[in-house]
Protein backbone atom coordinates (compact mmCIF):
# COMPACT_ATOMS: atom_id res chain seq x y z
CA MET A 1 236.17 87.46 24.81
CA VAL A 2 234.21 90.26 23.21
CA ASP A 3 236.53 92.61 21.31
CA ALA A 4 234.21 95.62 21.49
CA LEU A 5 231.09 96.58 23.40
CA SER A 6 228.64 99.30 22.42
CA VAL A 7 225.28 100.57 23.68
CA LEU A 8 221.86 100.97 22.06
CA ASP A 9 219.57 103.33 23.97
CA LEU A 10 215.82 103.43 23.50
CA VAL A 11 215.57 106.50 25.78
CA ALA A 12 213.17 104.74 28.07
CA VAL A 13 210.55 106.78 30.00
CA GLY A 14 209.67 104.97 33.19
CA GLU A 15 206.63 105.27 35.40
CA GLY A 16 207.06 108.27 37.68
CA HIS A 17 209.53 109.98 35.31
CA THR A 18 209.37 112.52 32.46
CA THR A 19 210.86 112.69 28.99
CA ARG A 20 213.21 115.38 30.20
CA GLU A 21 214.51 113.02 32.87
CA ALA A 22 214.83 110.24 30.30
CA LEU A 23 216.96 112.42 28.05
CA ARG A 24 219.15 113.49 30.96
CA THR A 25 219.52 109.80 31.80
CA SER A 26 220.68 109.11 28.24
CA ALA A 27 223.30 111.84 28.56
CA ARG A 28 224.58 110.31 31.83
CA LEU A 29 224.69 106.90 30.24
CA ALA A 30 226.53 108.20 27.17
CA ARG A 31 229.15 109.89 29.34
CA LEU A 32 229.56 106.69 31.38
CA ALA A 33 229.91 104.62 28.21
CA GLU A 34 232.56 107.02 26.94
CA SER A 35 234.47 107.04 30.23
CA ARG A 36 234.59 103.24 30.34
CA GLY A 37 235.72 102.69 26.77
CA PHE A 38 232.54 101.48 25.08
CA ARG A 39 232.91 101.96 21.32
CA ARG A 40 229.52 103.38 20.23
CA TYR A 41 226.38 104.86 21.68
CA TRP A 42 223.36 104.60 19.39
CA VAL A 43 219.74 105.63 19.72
CA ALA A 44 216.77 104.03 17.92
CA GLU A 45 213.84 105.58 16.12
CA HIS A 46 210.43 104.68 17.48
CA HIS A 47 207.07 106.36 17.27
CA SER A 48 203.77 106.48 19.23
CA MET A 49 205.31 104.58 22.16
CA PRO A 50 204.90 106.44 25.45
CA GLY A 51 207.66 104.46 27.10
CA ILE A 52 210.26 105.28 24.43
CA ALA A 53 211.27 108.86 23.75
CA SER A 54 213.60 108.32 20.77
CA SER A 55 211.33 109.50 17.97
CA SER A 56 213.94 112.00 16.69
CA PRO A 57 217.42 110.37 16.57
CA ALA A 58 219.18 113.31 14.96
CA VAL A 59 217.95 115.71 17.62
CA ILE A 60 218.97 113.36 20.45
CA LEU A 61 222.38 112.75 18.87
CA ALA A 62 223.02 116.49 18.66
CA TYR A 63 222.26 116.65 22.40
CA LEU A 64 224.59 113.73 23.13
CA ALA A 65 227.33 115.19 20.93
CA ALA A 66 227.37 118.23 23.20
CA GLN A 67 227.69 115.96 26.25
CA THR A 68 230.58 113.78 24.97
CA THR A 69 233.89 114.23 23.16
CA ARG A 70 235.16 110.87 21.96
CA ILE A 71 232.64 108.02 21.77
CA ARG A 72 231.01 107.32 18.39
CA LEU A 73 227.35 108.36 18.27
CA GLY A 74 224.77 107.00 15.87
CA SER A 75 221.33 105.88 14.93
CA GLY A 76 220.30 102.33 15.51
CA GLY A 77 218.59 103.26 13.41
CA VAL A 78 216.89 105.89 11.32
CA MET A 79 213.88 104.21 9.74
CA LEU A 80 214.52 105.36 6.20
CA PRO A 81 211.04 104.73 4.71
CA ASN A 82 209.74 107.38 7.10
CA HIS A 83 211.93 110.12 5.66
CA ALA A 84 213.13 111.80 2.47
CA PRO A 85 216.76 110.71 1.89
CA LEU A 86 217.84 114.32 1.34
CA VAL A 87 216.59 115.29 4.79
CA ILE A 88 218.56 112.49 6.47
CA ALA A 89 221.69 113.40 4.48
CA GLU A 90 221.41 117.01 5.66
CA GLN A 91 220.79 116.01 9.29
CA PHE A 92 223.69 113.63 9.50
CA HIS A 93 226.12 115.85 7.65
CA THR A 94 225.20 118.48 10.25
CA LEU A 95 225.88 116.03 13.06
CA GLU A 96 229.22 115.14 11.44
CA ALA A 97 230.13 118.83 11.47
CA MET A 98 229.25 118.94 15.19
CA ALA A 99 231.18 115.77 16.07
CA PRO A 100 233.76 115.17 13.34
CA GLY A 101 234.76 111.56 12.80
CA ARG A 102 232.36 110.02 15.31
CA VAL A 103 228.91 109.86 13.69
CA ASP A 104 227.27 106.61 12.50
CA LEU A 105 224.17 106.58 10.34
CA GLY A 106 222.41 103.25 10.87
CA LEU A 107 219.46 102.68 8.51
CA GLY A 108 216.45 100.45 8.94
CA ARG A 109 213.62 99.61 6.54
CA ALA A 110 210.82 99.07 9.09
CA PRO A 111 208.64 101.96 10.29
CA GLY A 112 209.56 101.58 13.96
CA THR A 113 205.92 101.70 14.96
CA ASP A 114 202.43 100.36 14.19
CA ARG A 115 200.76 100.56 10.76
CA LEU A 116 198.47 103.48 11.57
CA THR A 117 201.35 105.62 12.89
CA ALA A 118 203.45 104.65 9.89
CA ARG A 119 200.66 105.92 7.67
CA ALA A 120 200.59 109.21 9.60
CA LEU A 121 204.34 109.58 9.25
CA ARG A 122 204.34 108.93 5.50
CA ARG A 123 201.17 110.94 4.74
CA THR A 124 200.02 108.24 2.36
CA ASP A 125 197.25 105.72 2.23
CA GLY A 126 199.51 103.13 0.68
CA PRO A 127 200.77 100.12 2.64
CA ALA A 128 203.83 100.53 4.84
CA THR A 129 206.49 98.40 3.18
CA GLY A 130 210.23 98.47 2.76
CA ASP A 131 210.10 97.66 -0.97
CA SER A 132 211.73 101.00 -1.86
CA PHE A 133 214.50 100.58 0.71
CA PRO A 134 217.34 99.68 -1.72
CA ALA A 135 216.44 102.64 -3.93
CA ASP A 136 216.15 104.93 -0.90
CA VAL A 137 219.57 103.79 0.35
CA ALA A 138 221.10 104.43 -3.07
CA GLU A 139 219.58 107.93 -3.18
CA LEU A 140 220.79 108.70 0.32
CA LEU A 141 224.32 107.59 -0.55
CA GLY A 142 224.18 109.82 -3.62
CA PHE A 143 223.34 112.82 -1.47
CA LEU A 144 225.92 111.93 1.21
CA HIS A 145 228.72 111.60 -1.36
CA ASP A 146 227.31 114.23 -3.77
CA ASP A 147 228.12 111.90 -6.65
CA PHE A 148 224.94 111.46 -8.71
CA PRO A 149 225.93 110.73 -12.34
CA ASP A 150 225.25 113.13 -15.18
CA GLY A 151 221.67 112.85 -16.27
CA HIS A 152 220.37 111.91 -12.82
CA PRO A 153 217.35 114.02 -11.86
CA TYR A 154 219.10 115.06 -8.63
CA ARG A 155 222.49 115.79 -10.17
CA ARG A 156 222.12 119.51 -9.34
CA VAL A 157 220.66 118.95 -5.84
CA HIS A 158 223.16 119.06 -2.99
CA ALA A 159 222.91 118.10 0.68
CA VAL A 160 224.16 121.03 2.70
CA PRO A 161 226.26 120.67 4.80
CA GLY A 162 228.02 118.32 2.43
CA PRO A 163 230.81 117.71 -0.09
CA VAL A 164 229.61 120.52 -2.37
CA GLN A 165 231.14 122.92 0.14
CA GLY A 166 234.62 121.53 -0.29
CA PRO A 167 236.79 118.53 0.61
CA SER A 168 237.37 119.42 4.25
CA GLY A 169 234.18 117.94 5.72
CA GLY A 170 233.83 114.30 6.66
CA ARG A 171 230.92 111.97 6.19
CA PRO A 172 228.98 109.82 8.64
CA GLY A 173 229.63 106.12 8.59
CA VAL A 174 226.69 104.34 6.96
CA TRP A 175 225.36 101.04 8.36
CA LEU A 176 222.44 98.84 7.44
CA LEU A 177 220.31 97.36 10.20
CA GLY A 178 218.11 94.32 10.00
CA SER A 179 216.13 91.57 11.65
CA SER A 180 216.00 89.27 8.61
CA GLY A 181 217.98 88.43 5.49
CA PHE A 182 216.78 91.36 3.36
CA SER A 183 219.06 94.06 4.73
CA ALA A 184 221.80 91.51 5.39
CA GLN A 185 221.98 90.70 1.71
CA LEU A 186 221.85 94.36 0.69
CA ALA A 187 224.54 95.37 3.16
CA GLY A 188 226.79 92.62 1.85
CA ARG A 189 226.33 93.62 -1.77
CA LEU A 190 227.00 97.28 -0.95
CA GLY A 191 230.06 96.47 1.16
CA LEU A 192 228.62 98.19 4.22
CA PRO A 193 228.76 97.16 7.89
CA PHE A 194 225.72 95.32 9.17
CA ALA A 195 223.99 95.39 12.58
CA PHE A 196 221.49 92.66 13.45
CA ALA A 197 218.64 92.97 15.96
CA HIS A 198 219.18 89.77 17.88
CA HIS A 199 217.17 91.26 20.75
CA PHE A 200 213.90 90.73 18.92
CA ALA A 201 214.74 88.32 16.07
CA ALA A 202 217.12 85.82 17.68
CA HIS A 203 216.03 82.86 15.50
CA HIS A 204 217.24 84.74 12.39
CA THR A 205 220.57 85.98 13.74
CA ILE A 206 222.98 83.35 12.48
CA PRO A 207 221.28 82.82 9.08
CA ALA A 208 221.27 86.59 8.46
CA LEU A 209 224.94 86.99 9.42
CA GLU A 210 225.91 84.04 7.25
CA LEU A 211 224.01 85.55 4.30
CA TYR A 212 225.69 88.92 4.86
CA ARG A 213 229.16 87.36 4.88
CA ARG A 214 228.39 85.21 1.84
CA GLU A 215 227.09 88.17 -0.16
CA PHE A 216 229.77 90.61 0.96
CA ARG A 217 231.66 92.50 -1.72
CA PRO A 218 234.67 94.67 -0.75
CA SER A 219 234.04 98.40 -1.12
CA ALA A 220 235.65 101.75 -0.44
CA VAL A 221 234.15 101.41 3.06
CA LEU A 222 235.17 97.87 4.00
CA THR A 223 237.53 95.25 2.66
CA GLU A 224 236.01 92.55 4.91
CA PRO A 225 232.58 92.05 6.48
CA TYR A 226 231.87 93.77 9.78
CA THR A 227 228.98 92.83 12.05
CA VAL A 228 227.32 94.10 15.22
CA VAL A 229 224.76 92.08 17.15
CA GLY A 230 222.29 93.91 19.40
CA VAL A 231 221.31 92.02 22.55
CA LEU A 232 219.07 92.84 25.50
CA THR A 233 221.45 93.01 28.45
CA PHE A 234 221.02 93.82 32.13
CA ALA A 235 223.50 93.25 34.92
CA ALA A 236 222.86 93.72 38.62
CA ARG A 237 224.46 92.64 41.85
CA THR A 238 221.96 89.80 42.17
CA GLU A 239 220.19 87.58 39.69
CA ARG A 240 216.82 88.62 41.06
CA GLN A 241 217.52 92.35 40.57
CA ALA A 242 218.66 91.76 37.03
CA ARG A 243 215.59 89.67 36.15
CA ASP A 244 213.28 92.23 37.68
CA GLN A 245 214.74 94.94 35.41
CA ALA A 246 214.67 92.70 32.35
CA LEU A 247 210.99 92.04 33.10
CA THR A 248 210.17 95.78 32.95
CA GLY A 249 211.38 95.95 29.33
CA ALA A 250 209.60 92.73 28.47
CA LEU A 251 206.27 93.97 29.86
CA THR A 252 206.67 97.29 28.01
CA THR A 253 207.10 95.45 24.72
CA LEU A 254 204.29 93.05 25.48
CA ARG A 255 201.86 95.89 26.15
CA PHE A 256 202.82 97.60 22.88
CA ARG A 257 202.31 94.40 20.90
CA THR A 258 198.85 93.92 22.37
CA GLY A 259 197.76 97.51 21.70
CA ARG A 260 198.25 98.83 25.24
CA PRO A 261 201.41 100.98 25.04
CA GLY A 262 202.49 102.82 28.17
CA LEU A 263 205.45 104.01 30.22
CA VAL A 264 208.06 101.50 31.33
CA PRO A 265 206.70 99.92 34.52
CA THR A 266 208.59 99.79 37.77
CA PRO A 267 210.12 96.43 38.73
CA GLU A 268 207.48 96.18 41.46
CA GLU A 269 204.64 96.71 38.97
CA ALA A 270 206.15 94.22 36.49
CA GLY A 271 206.63 91.67 39.24
CA ALA A 272 203.04 91.97 40.36
CA HIS A 273 201.57 91.68 36.87
CA VAL A 274 199.39 88.61 36.34
CA PHE A 275 200.31 87.23 32.94
CA THR A 276 197.89 85.43 30.68
CA GLU A 277 198.89 82.17 29.02
CA TYR A 278 199.64 84.06 25.77
CA GLU A 279 201.62 86.71 27.64
CA ARG A 280 203.69 84.07 29.41
CA GLU A 281 204.51 82.52 26.06
CA VAL A 282 205.67 85.86 24.63
CA LEU A 283 207.51 86.70 27.85
CA GLY A 284 209.36 83.37 27.80
CA GLY A 285 210.66 84.01 24.29
CA TRP A 286 211.71 87.54 25.21
CA LEU A 287 213.61 86.61 28.34
CA GLU A 288 215.16 83.53 26.70
CA ASN A 289 217.04 85.81 24.31
CA ALA A 290 217.93 88.43 26.92
CA VAL A 291 221.23 88.38 28.76
CA HIS A 292 220.70 89.20 32.41
CA GLY A 293 222.16 88.26 35.76
CA THR A 294 225.23 88.96 37.88
CA PRO A 295 228.24 90.56 36.11
CA ASP A 296 230.14 87.31 35.75
CA ALA A 297 227.05 85.50 34.41
CA VAL A 298 226.39 88.33 31.91
CA ARG A 299 229.97 88.25 30.70
CA GLU A 300 229.80 84.48 30.23
CA GLN A 301 226.57 84.77 28.19
CA LEU A 302 227.88 87.64 26.08
CA ASP A 303 231.09 85.78 25.32
CA GLU A 304 229.08 82.73 24.29
CA LEU A 305 226.91 84.87 22.00
CA ARG A 306 229.97 86.50 20.46
CA LYS A 307 231.57 83.10 19.85
CA ARG A 308 228.35 81.62 18.39
CA THR A 309 227.69 84.52 16.01
CA GLY A 310 231.23 85.64 15.20
CA ALA A 311 230.11 89.25 15.74
CA ASP A 312 232.80 91.91 15.68
CA GLU A 313 230.89 93.91 18.28
CA LEU A 314 228.03 93.34 20.71
CA MET A 315 225.65 96.24 21.19
CA LEU A 316 223.95 96.14 24.59
CA VAL A 317 220.31 97.18 24.61
CA THR A 318 219.87 98.67 28.09
CA HIS A 319 216.09 98.82 28.43
CA GLY A 320 214.95 99.08 32.02
CA HIS A 321 213.43 101.37 34.65
CA GLY A 322 215.39 104.14 36.35
CA LEU A 323 218.74 105.88 35.94
CA GLU A 324 220.67 104.23 38.76
CA ALA A 325 219.84 100.69 37.77
CA ARG A 326 220.98 101.32 34.17
CA LEU A 327 224.15 103.13 35.25
CA THR A 328 224.91 100.27 37.58
CA SER A 329 224.35 97.70 34.84
CA LEU A 330 226.81 99.36 32.43
CA SER A 331 229.36 99.89 35.19
CA LEU A 332 229.19 96.27 36.35
CA ILE A 333 229.60 95.01 32.75
CA ALA A 334 232.57 97.31 32.21
CA ASP A 335 234.11 96.00 35.45
CA ALA A 336 233.47 92.39 34.46
CA TYR A 337 235.42 92.97 31.23
CA GLY A 338 238.14 94.95 33.00
CA LEU A 339 237.47 98.07 30.93
CA PRO A 340 239.59 100.94 32.28
CA HIS A 341 238.30 104.30 33.47
CA VAL A 342 239.62 106.23 30.47
CA GLY A 343 237.98 109.58 31.29
CA PRO A 344 236.62 112.17 28.88
CA GLY A 345 238.29 112.86 25.54
CA PRO A 346 239.85 116.18 24.47
CA ALA A 347 237.52 119.11 24.18
C-alpha cells in the first residue's frame, strides 16, 4: 500500500473556462487534498502553454497558502535555469514566512517550455541547456542558508527574508526534480530528496531511482534516500469516464508537442478528435503510463507502481477538464485508500 499520496497541479485551463476559474479550481483542490490527508500539493512551472496557467509558481503558492493551513505546498518545480538563484531564494523565504514549516522548493533544470520561449525567458541568444544547473543549485543553497564562505563573491549578499535576519525563520525544503539520471545523481550526491517525472519519462523511472539511491550521501537534510514518483492519475465512477478525462490531458500535450498549443479540450472534443497514425502512437505511450479507471482499479495500479519503484510517495498529476471531475477523482482515490476526513488545520 502507498504510504503517502500527494498532488501535482498544472493549473489546467479548460475550453470554456478562464484562468481565474482555473486558479479557483486549484484552491478548491488544495483544500480538498488537505482535508483528506494528502501530504503535499505542488504546482509546476510552464510557459507559453494556453492550457496551463502555472507560469508563476511562487505567486500561485502564496495564493494557496492563504487558502490552506496544514498541507505542505511546493513547486514541482521551479525551472532554475529560467531564474537568478537569489530571486528564487527571496521568493521561497517569503513563502516560508507566510506558511512556516510547510514550503517545498522543487528545482528542475529544463525550461518548462519550447526553445524560443526559453530564449525569451533568459534574454540570451545562447542555447537553452541545463549545464549550469549544479552551479545554480549550489548558489541557491548558499543564498538559502546564507553560508557562502569567505572570499566568495556573494559573501556579502543576503537573501531577504532569510537567515541574516536572525535564527527564528525557517527554510523551505529543497528537492531536485528530474526525468533522467542527471538530477538523480546530483540529488544523491547532495543528500537531497528526489522527485521523478514518471508521467512523461516512464522508461527512465527505475534506472534514475536506482542511480539516486546508489549515489546517495547522507546530509544534514536526509540520512537515507527519499523519493517521490509523479504519475498521471484519474479516477472516475466508470472506466469510460476516467479514460475520457485522461484523453483530454493527452490531447493537450500532443497538441503542444506538435506546435498547436491550446486550452484543455472537453472530453467530448477529445473523444471526437481524429488521430493520425503518429498521434495514435504518441497517445498510446501517454495512456500506457497513465493510471486511470475506477477507484479500486486506480488503487491497484498505484500500489503496483509503488511496489515496483520503491517510491516513498506517489504524486498524482491531476490533469483533466473541469473542476467537478478533478474534485471527484481526488475524493474517490482518498476513499479507495480509506483516508479520513481530517478537516482544516489550526488557523
